[in-house]
N, C-alpha and C. Protein backbone atom coordinates (compact mmCIF):
# COMPACT_ATOMS: atom_id res chain seq x y z
N MET A 1 3.53 11.26 -28.47
CA MET A 1 4.27 10.13 -29.04
C MET A 1 4.82 9.27 -28.00
N LYS A 2 4.80 7.91 -28.14
CA LYS A 2 5.47 7.18 -27.26
C LYS A 2 7.02 6.84 -27.58
N ARG A 3 7.75 6.44 -26.67
CA ARG A 3 9.14 6.23 -26.81
C ARG A 3 9.63 4.98 -26.10
N LEU A 4 10.36 4.08 -26.69
CA LEU A 4 10.82 2.99 -26.13
C LEU A 4 11.81 3.23 -25.05
N HIS A 5 11.88 2.49 -23.99
CA HIS A 5 12.87 2.88 -22.86
C HIS A 5 13.65 1.66 -22.75
N VAL A 6 14.92 1.71 -22.70
CA VAL A 6 15.84 0.41 -22.38
C VAL A 6 16.75 0.95 -21.15
N HIS A 7 16.96 0.27 -20.21
CA HIS A 7 17.76 0.49 -19.13
C HIS A 7 18.75 -0.62 -19.16
N VAL A 8 20.08 -0.44 -19.12
CA VAL A 8 21.10 -1.51 -19.01
C VAL A 8 21.94 -1.05 -17.75
N SER A 9 22.19 -2.19 -17.02
CA SER A 9 23.28 -2.02 -15.82
C SER A 9 24.57 -2.27 -16.37
N VAL A 10 25.55 -1.36 -15.94
CA VAL A 10 27.04 -1.56 -16.52
C VAL A 10 27.84 -1.59 -15.35
N GLU A 11 29.07 -2.00 -15.59
CA GLU A 11 30.09 -1.99 -14.56
C GLU A 11 30.94 -0.84 -14.55
N ASN A 12 31.35 -0.30 -15.86
CA ASN A 12 32.15 0.76 -15.87
C ASN A 12 31.56 1.87 -16.78
N LEU A 13 30.91 2.93 -16.11
CA LEU A 13 30.31 4.00 -16.64
C LEU A 13 30.97 4.77 -17.80
N PRO A 14 32.21 5.27 -17.53
CA PRO A 14 32.87 5.94 -18.49
C PRO A 14 33.03 5.14 -19.75
N HIS A 15 33.53 3.97 -19.63
CA HIS A 15 33.88 3.00 -20.90
C HIS A 15 32.50 2.77 -21.57
N SER A 16 31.38 2.43 -20.90
CA SER A 16 30.05 2.32 -21.52
C SER A 16 29.55 3.59 -22.20
N ILE A 17 29.86 4.68 -21.69
CA ILE A 17 29.45 5.90 -22.16
C ILE A 17 30.10 6.15 -23.63
N GLY A 18 31.44 5.89 -23.59
CA GLY A 18 32.11 5.93 -24.88
C GLY A 18 31.63 4.80 -25.91
N PHE A 19 31.48 3.70 -25.41
CA PHE A 19 30.72 2.68 -26.47
C PHE A 19 29.35 3.13 -26.93
N TYR A 20 28.51 3.47 -26.08
CA TYR A 20 27.23 3.85 -26.72
C TYR A 20 27.27 5.19 -27.37
N SER A 21 28.01 6.09 -26.89
CA SER A 21 28.05 7.30 -27.77
C SER A 21 28.64 7.11 -29.24
N ALA A 22 29.48 6.22 -29.33
CA ALA A 22 29.99 5.86 -30.68
C ALA A 22 28.93 5.00 -31.36
N LEU A 23 28.26 4.24 -30.66
CA LEU A 23 27.19 3.41 -31.41
C LEU A 23 26.00 4.18 -31.88
N PHE A 24 25.67 5.16 -30.99
CA PHE A 24 24.60 5.95 -31.46
C PHE A 24 24.98 7.36 -32.12
N ALA A 25 26.20 7.65 -32.28
CA ALA A 25 26.77 8.63 -32.92
C ALA A 25 26.22 9.98 -32.21
N ALA A 26 26.08 9.77 -30.79
CA ALA A 26 25.48 11.02 -30.26
C ALA A 26 26.02 10.90 -28.68
N GLN A 27 26.19 12.04 -27.94
CA GLN A 27 26.63 12.17 -26.63
C GLN A 27 25.17 12.07 -25.74
N PRO A 28 25.42 11.57 -24.62
CA PRO A 28 24.29 11.42 -23.75
C PRO A 28 23.78 12.77 -23.42
N SER A 29 22.39 12.89 -23.30
CA SER A 29 21.71 14.09 -22.79
C SER A 29 21.81 14.33 -21.35
N VAL A 30 22.15 13.34 -20.49
CA VAL A 30 22.37 13.27 -19.02
C VAL A 30 23.35 12.46 -18.66
N VAL A 31 24.33 13.09 -17.91
CA VAL A 31 25.52 12.19 -17.33
C VAL A 31 25.52 12.71 -15.95
N LYS A 32 25.56 11.61 -15.08
CA LYS A 32 25.85 11.78 -13.60
C LYS A 32 26.77 10.88 -13.30
N SER A 33 27.25 10.74 -11.94
CA SER A 33 28.24 9.96 -11.57
C SER A 33 27.86 8.45 -11.67
N ASP A 34 26.72 8.07 -11.61
CA ASP A 34 26.30 6.75 -11.64
C ASP A 34 25.30 6.40 -12.74
N TYR A 35 25.03 7.30 -13.78
CA TYR A 35 24.08 7.23 -14.70
C TYR A 35 24.32 8.17 -15.99
N ALA A 36 23.79 7.52 -17.03
CA ALA A 36 23.79 8.22 -18.27
C ALA A 36 22.54 7.95 -19.15
N LYS A 37 22.00 8.94 -20.03
CA LYS A 37 20.90 8.82 -20.70
C LYS A 37 20.96 9.43 -21.99
N TRP A 38 20.49 8.69 -23.13
CA TRP A 38 20.46 9.29 -24.38
C TRP A 38 18.93 9.30 -24.71
N MET A 39 18.48 10.56 -25.32
CA MET A 39 17.06 10.68 -25.70
C MET A 39 17.18 10.89 -27.32
N LEU A 40 17.23 9.59 -27.96
CA LEU A 40 17.40 9.41 -29.31
C LEU A 40 16.12 9.61 -30.22
N GLU A 41 16.26 10.19 -31.30
CA GLU A 41 15.09 10.18 -32.31
C GLU A 41 15.04 9.30 -33.41
N ASP A 42 16.34 8.62 -33.58
CA ASP A 42 16.46 7.62 -34.55
C ASP A 42 17.41 6.61 -34.19
N PRO A 43 16.95 5.59 -33.62
CA PRO A 43 15.61 5.25 -33.42
C PRO A 43 15.08 5.93 -32.20
N ARG A 44 13.70 6.09 -32.07
CA ARG A 44 13.03 6.85 -30.96
C ARG A 44 13.08 6.01 -29.74
N VAL A 45 14.17 6.39 -28.94
CA VAL A 45 14.45 5.57 -27.62
C VAL A 45 14.91 6.26 -26.53
N ASN A 46 14.69 6.00 -25.31
CA ASN A 46 15.22 6.75 -24.17
C ASN A 46 16.20 5.55 -23.65
N PHE A 47 17.36 5.55 -23.95
CA PHE A 47 18.40 4.41 -23.65
C PHE A 47 19.19 5.00 -22.49
N ALA A 48 19.14 4.22 -21.25
CA ALA A 48 19.84 4.52 -20.00
C ALA A 48 20.88 3.53 -19.54
N ILE A 49 21.83 4.06 -19.00
CA ILE A 49 22.72 3.00 -18.45
C ILE A 49 23.14 3.40 -16.95
N SER A 50 23.28 2.55 -16.04
CA SER A 50 23.72 2.95 -14.60
C SER A 50 24.51 1.96 -13.97
N THR A 51 25.04 2.40 -12.80
CA THR A 51 26.03 1.42 -12.12
C THR A 51 25.16 1.50 -10.67
N ARG A 52 24.00 1.05 -10.65
CA ARG A 52 23.19 1.14 -9.49
C ARG A 52 23.22 -0.19 -8.75
N GLY A 53 24.22 -1.02 -8.86
CA GLY A 53 24.46 -2.16 -7.93
C GLY A 53 23.89 -3.43 -8.32
N ARG A 54 23.35 -3.38 -9.57
CA ARG A 54 22.70 -4.59 -10.09
C ARG A 54 23.72 -5.33 -10.99
N GLU A 55 23.37 -6.68 -11.36
CA GLU A 55 24.31 -7.36 -12.24
C GLU A 55 24.38 -6.61 -13.52
N PRO A 56 25.50 -6.54 -14.22
CA PRO A 56 25.42 -6.06 -15.66
C PRO A 56 24.54 -6.82 -16.54
N GLY A 57 23.96 -6.05 -17.53
CA GLY A 57 22.99 -6.49 -18.45
C GLY A 57 21.70 -5.80 -18.33
N LEU A 58 20.71 -6.36 -19.19
CA LEU A 58 19.42 -5.60 -19.28
C LEU A 58 18.90 -5.66 -17.85
N ASP A 59 18.51 -4.34 -17.56
CA ASP A 59 17.82 -4.26 -16.25
C ASP A 59 16.32 -4.07 -16.43
N HIS A 60 15.80 -3.37 -17.35
CA HIS A 60 14.32 -3.30 -17.70
C HIS A 60 14.10 -2.65 -19.00
N LEU A 61 12.79 -2.77 -19.46
CA LEU A 61 12.36 -2.20 -20.67
C LEU A 61 11.23 -1.24 -20.22
N GLY A 62 10.82 -0.47 -21.05
CA GLY A 62 9.69 0.54 -20.78
C GLY A 62 9.09 1.13 -22.02
N ILE A 63 8.04 1.82 -21.70
CA ILE A 63 7.44 2.74 -22.61
C ILE A 63 7.30 4.06 -21.98
N GLN A 64 7.79 5.11 -22.40
CA GLN A 64 7.64 6.50 -22.06
C GLN A 64 6.82 7.27 -22.82
N VAL A 65 5.69 7.92 -22.13
CA VAL A 65 4.83 8.73 -22.95
C VAL A 65 4.96 10.11 -22.45
N GLU A 66 4.28 10.94 -23.42
CA GLU A 66 4.36 12.38 -23.28
C GLU A 66 3.31 13.25 -22.63
N THR A 67 2.21 12.41 -22.30
CA THR A 67 0.86 12.99 -21.75
C THR A 67 0.26 12.07 -20.85
N THR A 68 -0.70 12.61 -19.93
CA THR A 68 -1.27 11.62 -19.05
C THR A 68 -2.43 10.98 -19.92
N ASP A 69 -2.89 11.39 -20.86
CA ASP A 69 -3.79 10.58 -21.77
C ASP A 69 -3.08 9.27 -22.28
N GLU A 70 -1.79 9.52 -22.79
CA GLU A 70 -1.16 8.42 -23.33
C GLU A 70 -0.74 7.46 -22.19
N LEU A 71 -0.40 7.97 -21.06
CA LEU A 71 -0.12 7.03 -19.87
C LEU A 71 -1.44 6.17 -19.51
N ASN A 72 -2.58 6.84 -19.48
CA ASN A 72 -3.74 6.08 -19.17
C ASN A 72 -4.06 4.96 -20.33
N GLU A 73 -3.76 5.25 -21.49
CA GLU A 73 -4.01 4.44 -22.57
C GLU A 73 -3.00 3.03 -22.40
N VAL A 74 -1.73 3.49 -21.87
CA VAL A 74 -0.68 2.29 -21.72
C VAL A 74 -1.19 1.53 -20.44
N TYR A 75 -1.63 2.26 -19.38
CA TYR A 75 -2.05 1.42 -18.29
C TYR A 75 -3.20 0.54 -18.71
N ALA A 76 -4.15 0.89 -19.56
CA ALA A 76 -5.16 0.02 -19.92
C ALA A 76 -4.61 -1.07 -20.76
N ARG A 77 -3.58 -1.00 -21.50
CA ARG A 77 -2.89 -2.08 -22.18
C ARG A 77 -2.31 -3.03 -21.26
N LEU A 78 -1.52 -2.50 -20.12
CA LEU A 78 -1.05 -3.25 -19.11
C LEU A 78 -2.05 -4.18 -18.43
N ARG A 79 -3.24 -3.66 -18.18
CA ARG A 79 -4.32 -4.33 -17.60
C ARG A 79 -4.72 -5.52 -18.54
N GLU A 80 -4.95 -5.28 -19.79
CA GLU A 80 -5.41 -6.09 -20.85
C GLU A 80 -4.29 -7.23 -21.01
N ALA A 81 -3.14 -6.92 -20.95
CA ALA A 81 -1.97 -7.89 -20.94
C ALA A 81 -2.09 -8.94 -19.95
N GLY A 82 -2.65 -8.57 -18.89
CA GLY A 82 -2.75 -9.50 -17.71
C GLY A 82 -1.53 -9.56 -16.74
N GLY A 83 -1.47 -10.27 -15.75
CA GLY A 83 -0.33 -10.24 -14.93
C GLY A 83 -0.54 -9.19 -13.84
N ASN A 84 0.41 -9.09 -12.77
CA ASN A 84 0.34 -8.13 -11.73
C ASN A 84 0.92 -6.85 -12.04
N VAL A 85 -0.02 -5.74 -12.13
CA VAL A 85 0.54 -4.47 -12.40
C VAL A 85 0.74 -3.80 -11.16
N ILE A 86 1.95 -3.24 -10.90
CA ILE A 86 2.38 -2.61 -9.65
C ILE A 86 2.39 -1.13 -10.03
N GLU A 87 1.36 -0.27 -9.66
CA GLU A 87 1.13 0.93 -9.83
C GLU A 87 2.16 1.65 -8.63
N GLN A 88 3.08 2.34 -9.31
CA GLN A 88 4.13 3.03 -8.27
C GLN A 88 3.55 4.44 -8.15
N GLY A 89 2.80 5.12 -9.00
CA GLY A 89 2.35 6.49 -8.78
C GLY A 89 3.60 7.36 -9.06
N GLN A 90 3.40 8.55 -8.41
CA GLN A 90 4.46 9.63 -8.60
C GLN A 90 5.64 9.22 -7.82
N THR A 91 6.84 9.32 -8.41
CA THR A 91 8.03 8.96 -7.87
C THR A 91 9.15 9.80 -8.43
N THR A 92 10.40 9.57 -7.71
CA THR A 92 11.54 10.18 -8.35
C THR A 92 12.54 9.06 -8.56
N CYS A 93 13.06 8.97 -9.76
CA CYS A 93 13.85 7.88 -10.31
C CYS A 93 14.72 8.36 -11.53
N CYS A 94 15.77 7.88 -11.52
CA CYS A 94 16.67 8.35 -12.69
C CYS A 94 16.84 9.76 -12.87
N TYR A 95 16.86 10.50 -11.85
CA TYR A 95 17.05 11.85 -11.88
C TYR A 95 15.97 12.67 -12.52
N ALA A 96 14.66 11.98 -12.35
CA ALA A 96 13.52 12.65 -12.91
C ALA A 96 12.27 12.39 -12.09
N SER A 97 11.29 13.31 -12.09
CA SER A 97 9.92 13.03 -11.42
C SER A 97 9.01 12.28 -12.35
N SER A 98 8.37 11.19 -12.03
CA SER A 98 7.58 10.61 -12.95
C SER A 98 6.36 9.91 -12.34
N GLU A 99 5.38 9.64 -13.17
CA GLU A 99 4.23 8.75 -12.65
C GLU A 99 4.49 7.51 -13.41
N LYS A 100 4.48 6.28 -12.74
CA LYS A 100 4.81 5.02 -13.40
C LYS A 100 4.24 3.76 -12.81
N ALA A 101 4.14 2.75 -13.62
CA ALA A 101 3.70 1.54 -13.21
C ALA A 101 4.75 0.41 -13.85
N TRP A 102 4.55 -0.79 -13.17
CA TRP A 102 5.41 -1.88 -13.61
C TRP A 102 4.66 -3.08 -13.86
N ILE A 103 5.19 -4.04 -14.77
CA ILE A 103 4.57 -5.37 -14.99
C ILE A 103 5.72 -6.13 -15.48
N ASP A 104 5.77 -7.40 -15.24
CA ASP A 104 6.59 -8.48 -15.83
C ASP A 104 6.05 -9.02 -16.97
N ASP A 105 6.91 -9.35 -18.02
CA ASP A 105 6.30 -10.10 -19.27
C ASP A 105 6.31 -11.54 -18.93
N PRO A 106 5.84 -12.44 -19.77
CA PRO A 106 6.06 -13.83 -19.57
C PRO A 106 7.20 -14.40 -19.31
N ALA A 107 8.31 -13.84 -19.82
CA ALA A 107 9.80 -14.36 -19.65
C ALA A 107 10.34 -13.75 -18.32
N GLY A 108 9.52 -12.80 -17.70
CA GLY A 108 10.10 -12.27 -16.40
C GLY A 108 10.88 -11.08 -16.58
N ILE A 109 10.87 -10.49 -17.65
CA ILE A 109 11.43 -9.15 -17.93
C ILE A 109 10.63 -8.09 -17.40
N ALA A 110 11.15 -7.11 -16.62
CA ALA A 110 10.31 -5.99 -15.97
C ALA A 110 10.12 -5.00 -17.07
N TRP A 111 8.97 -4.45 -17.31
CA TRP A 111 8.44 -3.22 -18.11
C TRP A 111 7.92 -2.20 -17.32
N GLU A 112 8.45 -1.09 -17.41
CA GLU A 112 7.87 0.06 -16.74
C GLU A 112 7.08 0.95 -17.83
N THR A 113 6.10 1.61 -17.51
CA THR A 113 5.35 2.57 -18.24
C THR A 113 5.39 3.92 -17.44
N PHE A 114 5.83 4.88 -17.99
CA PHE A 114 5.96 6.26 -17.25
C PHE A 114 5.69 7.51 -18.02
N HIS A 115 5.35 8.48 -17.35
CA HIS A 115 5.17 9.92 -17.81
C HIS A 115 6.13 10.79 -17.05
N THR A 116 7.17 11.25 -17.59
CA THR A 116 8.09 12.11 -16.90
C THR A 116 7.50 13.57 -16.77
N THR A 117 7.40 14.07 -15.48
CA THR A 117 6.90 15.26 -15.17
C THR A 117 7.87 16.49 -14.91
N GLY A 118 9.15 16.04 -14.54
CA GLY A 118 10.14 17.03 -14.33
C GLY A 118 11.54 16.35 -14.04
N GLU A 119 12.51 17.20 -13.80
CA GLU A 119 13.79 16.66 -13.46
C GLU A 119 14.02 16.58 -11.95
N SER A 120 15.05 15.95 -11.61
CA SER A 120 15.43 15.93 -10.11
C SER A 120 16.89 15.86 -10.02
N THR A 121 17.42 16.60 -8.83
CA THR A 121 18.91 16.66 -8.75
C THR A 121 19.33 15.38 -8.27
N VAL A 122 18.52 14.51 -7.73
CA VAL A 122 18.97 13.14 -7.13
C VAL A 122 18.30 12.00 -7.95
N TYR A 123 19.02 10.75 -7.95
CA TYR A 123 18.64 9.66 -8.68
C TYR A 123 17.35 9.19 -8.02
N GLY A 124 17.04 9.34 -6.87
CA GLY A 124 15.93 8.87 -6.14
C GLY A 124 16.38 7.70 -5.26
N ASP A 125 15.58 7.49 -4.21
CA ASP A 125 16.16 6.51 -3.14
C ASP A 125 15.77 5.04 -3.50
N GLY A 126 15.06 4.82 -4.58
CA GLY A 126 14.84 3.40 -5.11
C GLY A 126 13.62 2.85 -4.40
N THR A 127 13.02 3.58 -3.62
CA THR A 127 11.89 3.06 -2.74
C THR A 127 10.84 2.42 -3.59
N GLY A 128 10.33 3.26 -4.53
CA GLY A 128 9.29 2.92 -5.48
C GLY A 128 9.54 1.71 -6.27
N GLU A 129 10.78 1.93 -7.02
CA GLU A 129 11.34 0.86 -7.98
C GLU A 129 11.54 -0.41 -7.13
N ASN A 130 12.20 -0.30 -6.11
CA ASN A 130 12.57 -1.46 -5.32
C ASN A 130 11.31 -2.17 -4.64
N GLY A 131 10.35 -1.29 -4.24
CA GLY A 131 9.02 -1.86 -3.70
C GLY A 131 8.42 -2.73 -4.90
N ALA A 132 8.34 -1.98 -6.04
CA ALA A 132 7.69 -2.91 -7.19
C ALA A 132 8.38 -4.02 -7.54
N ARG A 133 9.94 -4.02 -7.57
CA ARG A 133 10.52 -5.25 -7.60
C ARG A 133 10.30 -6.23 -6.65
N VAL A 134 10.24 -5.90 -5.36
CA VAL A 134 9.95 -6.85 -4.24
C VAL A 134 8.64 -7.55 -4.53
N ALA A 135 7.57 -6.63 -4.78
CA ALA A 135 6.26 -7.09 -4.89
C ALA A 135 6.14 -8.19 -6.22
N ARG A 136 6.89 -7.77 -7.25
CA ARG A 136 6.96 -8.77 -8.30
C ARG A 136 7.69 -10.01 -7.99
N GLU A 137 8.82 -9.97 -7.27
CA GLU A 137 9.62 -11.10 -6.92
C GLU A 137 8.89 -11.77 -5.85
N LYS A 138 8.11 -11.30 -4.90
CA LYS A 138 7.37 -11.96 -3.84
C LYS A 138 6.19 -12.85 -4.66
N GLN A 139 5.59 -12.14 -5.62
CA GLN A 139 4.40 -12.82 -6.34
C GLN A 139 5.16 -14.09 -7.07
N SER A 140 6.22 -13.85 -7.75
CA SER A 140 6.74 -14.93 -8.55
C SER A 140 7.11 -16.08 -7.57
N ALA A 141 7.94 -15.66 -6.47
CA ALA A 141 8.32 -16.70 -5.58
C ALA A 141 7.15 -17.53 -4.92
N CYS A 142 6.09 -16.67 -4.50
CA CYS A 142 5.01 -17.13 -3.86
C CYS A 142 4.20 -18.12 -4.74
N CYS A 143 4.12 -17.87 -5.98
CA CYS A 143 3.23 -18.48 -6.97
C CYS A 143 3.87 -19.52 -7.74
N ALA A 144 5.19 -19.59 -7.66
CA ALA A 144 5.94 -20.52 -8.42
C ALA A 144 5.57 -22.04 -8.18
N PRO A 145 5.58 -22.85 -9.09
CA PRO A 145 5.32 -24.33 -8.80
C PRO A 145 6.52 -24.90 -7.96
N SER A 146 6.20 -25.79 -7.13
CA SER A 146 7.25 -26.40 -6.19
C SER A 146 6.95 -27.82 -6.05
N SER A 147 8.00 -28.58 -5.77
CA SER A 147 7.83 -30.08 -5.57
C SER A 147 7.10 -30.51 -4.27
N ALA A 148 7.37 -29.60 -3.32
CA ALA A 148 6.73 -29.80 -2.00
C ALA A 148 5.36 -29.08 -2.15
N PRO A 149 4.39 -29.57 -1.20
CA PRO A 149 3.10 -28.93 -1.08
C PRO A 149 3.34 -27.54 -0.39
N LYS A 150 2.70 -26.59 -0.74
CA LYS A 150 2.86 -25.19 -0.23
C LYS A 150 2.05 -25.36 0.98
N GLN A 151 2.49 -24.34 1.99
CA GLN A 151 1.71 -23.98 3.24
C GLN A 151 0.86 -23.03 2.79
N SER A 152 -0.38 -22.97 3.46
CA SER A 152 -1.29 -22.12 2.95
C SER A 152 -0.74 -20.54 3.42
N SER A 153 -1.10 -19.68 2.52
CA SER A 153 -0.79 -18.38 2.63
C SER A 153 -1.79 -17.35 2.05
N ALA A 154 -1.57 -16.19 2.24
CA ALA A 154 -2.64 -15.12 1.79
C ALA A 154 -2.27 -14.82 0.32
N CYS A 155 -1.03 -15.19 -0.03
CA CYS A 155 -0.59 -14.78 -1.41
C CYS A 155 -1.27 -15.54 -2.62
N CYS A 156 -1.37 -16.77 -2.54
CA CYS A 156 -2.08 -17.58 -3.66
C CYS A 156 -3.25 -18.17 -3.36
């Protein structure tokens, strides 16, 4: 069964944990010095917050799956949706080991699809996520319309 994933960047983790714990009437299932996560059943959502150095607000959305078959199904949907799919593969992120891919929706909101395969004692170095973010931003910047003619490049 699939689960919606929402990740919000926050400035003050303890204050935000208090707010969301009251809102969801539940304590987080994971709390670290820079991260907290609620695995809620009603609504069925993986809701995470972190102080990972980004501007406060919506960081990204996602779809978490429970099996490799579901992951392949969602990957097929990503390809059907169009756009640039960044396959990250096996990675460590958010104190978990996962297989994941990324795509931006038409409004530029990052979506990840992932299958969590285990826990991790570290957040992850951000290499995969940052690499996917840089690839998305590079594509966006490279292919954005501009008023001046573009120099030829391999990108577009």
